[in-house]
């Protein structure tokens, strides 16, 4: 009885000592780990947080690029931006570009990954060819397709025997930018799909074959459901990237807005106001509005994903 009583008394003390020791180790580990995180936090604050706060402040002023003293104007810049038809046109062009690119690039990347995954001979060469354009700088890709779409002398018109003003007709200018983007950026989504395909267990396909499922049934009822999460990721990333389109649209139009402003995107209009019209305060207000839109899209994606996961449970 005495031994049992002693053990009963010592157990809480041992548990308390172990808890204190664990807490101390965690605190010490956090203290040491903080030194590893500190450089990133400093750079993040310097190049992300501070510019964001600075831009937010400038959006409430009439600051200009000449360096004159800025005066507080309140919400005037935001009111002007919401009443500016060019802001809505630029936003419409970015949205239209996104609607064209996201479905096409998702389907194209999936088909290329499916081909590269199942092909037997020269597999490495096919993978390299599909991914290689993504490694090119945006200016190189845009200049290449600018030459290919050159009216009369471009390779596209020569191959199809047509004479279309791809870059000077507002009906085709945005389509040319979309084609360039698909060729240039599909490699990234292709790589994500290829990695996901390699992660699907082979025995699932064997079981499907034994049950009499043909290639189409295996793709529709096995491959696509298994790639649902990666498809959601690809779509989300492409939406965010497409809304911020700038490089290829500007370079293909020789740094102009395109025929009748048909390729002027939201980012391009913001830069025009800041560095061409020298209205830094107004450009900051436009960029803050665009930041809110991008954040809303990202949060909506997170909300849909969470609801789908909860519904699947």
Protein backbone atom coordinates (compact mmCIF):
# COMPACT_ATOMS: atom_id res chain seq x y z
CA UNK A 1 0.00 0.00 0.00
CA UNK A 2 2.84 2.35 0.82
CA UNK A 3 4.55 1.70 -2.51
CA UNK A 4 1.32 2.21 -4.39
CA UNK A 5 0.67 5.50 -2.59
CA UNK A 6 4.18 6.72 -3.40
CA UNK A 7 3.76 5.90 -7.05
CA UNK A 8 0.41 7.67 -7.09
CA UNK A 9 2.04 10.80 -5.69
CA UNK A 10 5.04 10.66 -8.04
CA UNK A 11 3.11 10.14 -11.27
CA UNK A 12 1.57 13.65 -11.41
CA UNK A 13 4.96 15.13 -10.56
CA UNK A 14 6.63 13.19 -13.35
CA UNK A 15 3.90 14.20 -15.80
CA UNK A 16 4.31 17.85 -14.80
CA UNK A 17 8.09 17.64 -15.21
CA UNK A 18 7.73 16.01 -18.63
CA UNK A 19 5.23 18.67 -19.72
CA UNK A 20 7.54 21.47 -18.59
CA UNK A 21 10.48 19.81 -20.33
CA UNK A 22 8.48 19.44 -23.56
CA UNK A 23 7.35 23.06 -23.41
CA UNK A 24 10.92 24.20 -22.84
CA UNK A 25 12.15 22.18 -25.81
CA UNK A 26 9.41 23.59 -28.00
CA UNK A 27 10.24 27.11 -26.92
CA UNK A 28 13.92 26.52 -27.54
CA UNK A 29 13.18 24.98 -30.93
CA UNK A 30 10.98 27.93 -31.86
CA UNK A 31 13.68 30.33 -30.75
CA UNK A 32 16.30 28.61 -32.91
CA UNK A 33 13.90 28.19 -35.82
CA UNK A 34 13.06 31.87 -35.74
CA UNK A 35 16.58 32.71 -36.89
CA UNK A 36 16.08 30.58 -40.00
CA UNK A 37 12.74 32.26 -40.78
CA UNK A 38 13.93 35.78 -40.02
CA UNK A 39 15.66 36.47 -43.39
CA UNK A 40 12.51 35.50 -45.28
CA UNK A 41 10.31 37.59 -42.98
CA UNK A 42 12.56 40.62 -43.46
CA UNK A 43 12.52 40.27 -47.24
CA UNK A 44 8.77 39.59 -47.25
CA UNK A 45 8.11 42.70 -45.19
CA UNK A 46 10.49 44.80 -47.29
CA UNK A 47 9.31 43.75 -50.74
CA UNK A 48 5.66 42.76 -50.14
CA UNK A 49 4.16 44.28 -46.99
CA UNK A 50 5.83 47.69 -47.26
CA UNK A 51 5.02 48.22 -50.99
CA UNK A 52 1.44 47.15 -50.32
CA UNK A 53 1.04 49.60 -47.45
CA UNK A 54 2.83 52.32 -49.43
CA UNK A 55 0.57 51.75 -52.43
CA UNK A 56 -2.50 51.83 -50.20
CA UNK A 57 -1.43 55.20 -48.82
CA UNK A 58 -0.63 56.61 -52.28
CA UNK A 59 -4.10 55.58 -53.50
CA UNK A 60 -5.55 58.23 -51.17
CA UNK A 61 -3.29 61.00 -52.54
CA UNK A 62 -2.68 62.85 -55.79
CA UNK A 63 0.95 61.70 -55.95
CA UNK A 64 2.72 61.85 -59.30
CA UNK A 65 5.95 60.45 -60.64
CA UNK A 66 7.66 63.84 -60.77
CA UNK A 67 8.17 63.77 -57.00
CA UNK A 68 5.98 66.76 -56.12
CA UNK A 69 4.44 66.83 -52.69
CA UNK A 70 1.41 64.56 -52.53
CA UNK A 71 -1.85 65.80 -51.06
CA UNK A 72 -4.51 63.68 -49.40
CA UNK A 73 -7.60 63.40 -51.62
CA UNK A 74 -9.53 60.71 -49.77
CA UNK A 75 -11.61 58.41 -51.96
CA UNK A 76 -11.50 60.63 -55.06
CA UNK A 77 -9.18 58.26 -56.93
CA UNK A 78 -11.46 55.30 -56.22
CA UNK A 79 -14.54 57.21 -57.35
CA UNK A 80 -12.80 58.22 -60.56
CA UNK A 81 -11.63 54.65 -61.18
CA UNK A 82 -15.12 53.24 -60.76
CA UNK A 83 -16.47 55.84 -63.21
CA UNK A 84 -13.63 55.41 -65.71
CA UNK A 85 -14.86 53.41 -68.76
CA UNK A 86 -11.29 52.44 -69.67
CA UNK A 87 -10.93 50.68 -66.31
CA UNK A 88 -13.96 48.54 -67.05
CA UNK A 89 -12.81 47.91 -70.62
CA UNK A 90 -9.40 46.77 -69.38
CA UNK A 91 -11.01 44.56 -66.75
CA UNK A 92 -13.31 43.11 -69.42
CA UNK A 93 -10.34 42.32 -71.65
CA UNK A 94 -8.53 40.56 -68.79
CA UNK A 95 -11.69 38.60 -67.93
CA UNK A 96 -12.27 37.63 -71.57
CA UNK A 97 -8.67 36.49 -71.89
CA UNK A 98 -9.10 34.40 -68.73
CA UNK A 99 -12.29 32.79 -70.02
CA UNK A 100 -10.52 31.81 -73.23
CA UNK A 101 -7.27 30.59 -71.72
CA UNK A 102 -8.26 28.66 -68.59
CA UNK A 103 -10.50 25.95 -70.14
CA UNK A 104 -8.23 25.54 -73.18
CA UNK A 105 -5.02 25.28 -71.22
CA UNK A 106 -6.55 22.85 -68.71
CA UNK A 107 -7.75 20.48 -71.44
CA UNK A 108 -4.56 20.86 -73.48
CA UNK A 109 -2.28 20.20 -70.52
CA UNK A 110 -4.29 17.13 -69.53
CA UNK A 111 -4.18 15.66 -73.05
CA UNK A 112 -0.45 16.30 -73.39
CA UNK A 113 0.20 14.71 -70.00
CA UNK A 114 -1.95 11.71 -70.92
CA UNK A 115 0.00 11.30 -74.16
CA UNK A 116 3.40 11.65 -72.50
CA UNK A 117 2.40 9.23 -69.75
CA UNK A 118 1.25 6.41 -72.01
CA UNK A 119 3.70 6.76 -74.89
CA UNK A 120 6.41 4.12 -74.84
CA UNK A 121 9.23 5.21 -77.17
CA UNK A 122 11.04 8.52 -76.73
CA UNK A 123 9.12 9.37 -73.60
CA UNK A 124 11.78 11.79 -72.35
CA UNK A 125 11.80 13.63 -75.69
CA UNK A 126 8.05 14.18 -75.69
CA UNK A 127 8.15 15.46 -72.13
CA UNK A 128 10.97 17.83 -72.99
CA UNK A 129 9.18 19.17 -76.07
CA UNK A 130 5.95 19.78 -74.15
CA UNK A 131 7.64 21.52 -71.23
CA UNK A 132 10.44 23.40 -73.03
CA UNK A 133 8.38 26.45 -74.18
CA UNK A 134 7.59 27.27 -70.55
CA UNK A 135 11.30 27.88 -69.92
CA UNK A 136 11.44 30.69 -72.49
CA UNK A 137 11.25 34.31 -71.28
CA UNK A 138 7.94 35.99 -71.98
CA UNK A 139 9.50 38.48 -74.40
CA UNK A 140 11.05 35.67 -76.46
CA UNK A 141 7.76 33.79 -76.71
CA UNK A 142 5.83 36.96 -77.59
CA UNK A 143 8.34 38.06 -80.23
CA UNK A 144 8.30 34.59 -81.75
CA UNK A 145 4.53 34.55 -82.12
CA UNK A 146 4.53 38.14 -83.30
CA UNK A 147 6.66 36.97 -86.21
CA UNK A 148 4.49 33.89 -86.79
CA UNK A 149 1.35 36.07 -86.93
CA UNK A 150 2.92 38.72 -89.13
CA UNK A 151 0.35 39.42 -91.90
CA UNK A 152 1.38 38.16 -95.31
CA UNK A 153 4.86 36.96 -94.36
CA UNK A 154 4.10 35.06 -91.12
CA UNK A 155 4.36 31.30 -90.97
CA UNK A 156 0.74 30.91 -89.82
CA UNK A 157 -0.69 32.61 -92.90
CA UNK A 158 1.78 30.78 -95.14
CA UNK A 159 0.85 27.32 -93.79
CA UNK A 160 -2.91 27.84 -94.03
CA UNK A 161 -2.85 29.90 -97.23
CA UNK A 162 -4.66 32.87 -95.70
CA UNK A 163 -3.99 36.56 -95.23
CA UNK A 164 -5.35 37.57 -91.84
CA UNK A 165 -4.43 40.68 -89.90
CA UNK A 166 -3.93 38.81 -86.66
CA UNK A 167 -2.31 41.66 -84.74
CA UNK A 168 -3.98 44.67 -86.34
CA UNK A 169 -7.62 43.54 -86.40
CA UNK A 170 -9.46 43.84 -83.09
CA UNK A 171 -11.39 40.66 -83.89
CA UNK A 172 -8.20 38.57 -83.90
CA UNK A 173 -5.72 40.48 -81.73
CA UNK A 174 -6.76 38.92 -78.42
CA UNK A 175 -7.03 35.49 -80.04
CA UNK A 176 -3.39 35.78 -81.13
CA UNK A 177 -2.39 36.55 -77.54
CA UNK A 178 -4.37 33.54 -76.34
CA UNK A 179 -2.64 31.19 -78.81
CA UNK A 180 0.76 32.51 -77.75
CA UNK A 181 -0.12 32.00 -74.09
CA UNK A 182 -1.35 28.45 -74.62
CA UNK A 183 1.86 27.45 -76.39
CA UNK A 184 4.05 29.22 -73.88
CA UNK A 185 2.49 28.31 -70.51
CA UNK A 186 0.84 24.91 -71.06
CA UNK A 187 4.06 23.20 -70.00
CA UNK A 188 3.62 24.12 -66.35
CA UNK A 189 0.15 22.62 -66.07
CA UNK A 190 1.32 19.68 -68.16
CA UNK A 191 4.01 18.96 -65.57
CA UNK A 192 1.48 19.04 -62.73
CA UNK A 193 -0.83 16.64 -64.54
CA UNK A 194 2.03 14.32 -65.47
CA UNK A 195 3.18 14.11 -61.86
CA UNK A 196 -0.38 13.38 -60.74
CA UNK A 197 -0.81 10.67 -63.39
CA UNK A 198 2.33 8.93 -62.21
CA UNK A 199 0.90 8.90 -58.70
CA UNK A 200 -2.18 6.86 -59.65
CA UNK A 201 -1.63 3.21 -58.61
CA UNK A 202 -1.28 0.87 -61.60
CA UNK A 203 -3.36 -1.86 -59.94
CA UNK A 204 -6.46 0.32 -60.27
CA UNK A 205 -6.14 0.24 -64.05
CA UNK A 206 -5.52 -3.51 -63.96
CA UNK A 207 -8.67 -4.02 -61.93
CA UNK A 208 -10.62 -1.84 -64.36
CA UNK A 209 -9.34 -3.90 -67.32
CA UNK A 210 -10.38 -7.12 -65.62
CA UNK A 211 -13.85 -5.66 -65.14
CA UNK A 212 -14.06 -5.01 -68.89
CA UNK A 213 -13.51 -1.23 -68.89
CA UNK A 214 -12.09 0.10 -72.15
CA UNK A 215 -9.65 3.02 -72.47
CA UNK A 216 -12.41 5.63 -72.56
CA UNK A 217 -14.14 4.24 -69.47
CA UNK A 218 -10.85 4.06 -67.59
CA UNK A 219 -10.12 7.68 -68.42
CA UNK A 220 -13.61 8.97 -67.64
CA UNK A 221 -14.33 6.95 -64.51
CA UNK A 222 -10.86 6.45 -63.05
CA UNK A 223 -8.29 8.94 -64.31
CA UNK A 224 -10.43 12.09 -64.22
CA UNK A 225 -11.84 11.50 -60.71
CA UNK A 226 -8.35 10.75 -59.41
CA UNK A 227 -7.12 14.04 -60.91
CA UNK A 228 -9.94 16.15 -59.48
CA UNK A 229 -7.75 17.90 -56.92
CA UNK A 230 -4.93 18.64 -59.36
CA UNK A 231 -7.47 19.95 -61.86
CA UNK A 232 -8.78 22.34 -59.24
CA UNK A 233 -5.24 23.50 -58.55
CA UNK A 234 -4.50 24.02 -62.25
CA UNK A 235 -7.71 25.98 -62.78
CA UNK A 236 -7.07 28.19 -59.73
CA UNK A 237 -3.48 28.94 -60.72
CA UNK A 238 -4.42 29.67 -64.31
CA UNK A 239 -7.24 32.01 -63.30
CA UNK A 240 -4.92 34.03 -61.07
CA UNK A 241 -2.18 34.11 -63.71
CA UNK A 242 -4.51 34.94 -66.60
CA UNK A 243 -6.14 37.84 -64.81
CA UNK A 244 -2.66 39.36 -64.45
CA UNK A 245 -1.76 38.96 -68.14
CA UNK A 246 0.62 41.67 -69.32
CA UNK A 247 3.89 40.63 -70.94
CA UNK A 248 2.78 38.81 -74.08
CA UNK A 249 -0.09 41.21 -74.80
CA UNK A 250 2.18 44.24 -74.60
CA UNK A 251 5.14 42.81 -76.52
CA UNK A 252 3.03 41.39 -79.35
CA UNK A 253 1.46 44.83 -79.84
CA UNK A 254 4.82 46.68 -79.69
CA UNK A 255 3.99 48.06 -76.24
CA UNK A 256 0.69 49.48 -77.40
CA UNK A 257 -2.93 48.80 -76.39
CA UNK A 258 -3.71 46.91 -79.58
CA UNK A 259 -6.21 47.83 -82.30
CA UNK A 260 -8.85 50.06 -80.72
CA UNK A 261 -7.50 49.09 -77.31
CA UNK A 262 -8.65 45.48 -77.75
CA UNK A 263 -5.65 43.97 -75.93
CA UNK A 264 -5.26 46.56 -73.19
CA UNK A 265 -5.38 44.56 -69.96
CA UNK A 266 -5.97 45.76 -66.42
CA UNK A 267 -2.28 45.61 -65.51
CA UNK A 268 -1.30 47.49 -68.66
CA UNK A 269 -3.80 50.26 -68.00
CA UNK A 270 -2.50 50.60 -64.46
CA UNK A 271 1.06 51.03 -65.72
CA UNK A 272 -0.10 53.51 -68.36
CA UNK A 273 -1.65 55.69 -65.70
CA UNK A 274 1.38 55.47 -63.45
CA UNK A 275 4.26 55.78 -65.90
CA UNK A 276 2.71 57.43 -68.98
CA UNK A 277 0.21 59.81 -67.42
CA UNK A 278 2.40 60.15 -64.28
CA UNK A 279 -0.63 59.71 -62.01
CA UNK A 280 0.86 57.48 -59.35
CA UNK A 281 -1.98 58.04 -56.88
CA UNK A 282 -4.64 57.10 -59.40
CA UNK A 283 -2.63 54.09 -60.60
CA UNK A 284 -2.27 52.96 -56.98
CA UNK A 285 -6.03 53.11 -56.51
CA UNK A 286 -6.55 51.01 -59.63
CA UNK A 287 -3.98 48.48 -58.44
CA UNK A 288 -5.68 48.23 -55.03
CA UNK A 289 -9.00 47.55 -56.74
CA UNK A 290 -7.31 44.85 -58.80
CA UNK A 291 -5.74 43.41 -55.65
CA UNK A 292 -9.18 43.14 -54.06
CA UNK A 293 -10.51 41.34 -57.15
CA UNK A 294 -7.62 38.86 -57.15
CA UNK A 295 -8.01 38.27 -53.41
CA UNK A 296 -11.76 37.71 -53.85
CA UNK A 297 -11.11 35.12 -56.57
CA UNK A 298 -8.56 33.32 -54.37
CA UNK A 299 -10.87 33.32 -51.35
CA UNK A 300 -13.78 32.08 -53.45
CA UNK A 301 -11.61 29.21 -54.66
CA UNK A 302 -10.65 28.33 -51.07
CA UNK A 303 -14.28 28.46 -49.98
CA UNK A 304 -15.43 26.19 -52.80
CA UNK A 305 -12.64 23.74 -52.08
CA UNK A 306 -13.46 23.60 -48.40
CA UNK A 307 -17.16 23.08 -49.07
CA UNK A 308 -16.39 20.30 -51.54
CA UNK A 309 -14.11 18.55 -49.03
CA UNK A 310 -16.73 18.85 -46.31
CA UNK A 311 -19.40 17.57 -48.69
CA UNK A 312 -17.22 14.60 -49.60
CA UNK A 313 -17.02 13.59 -45.97
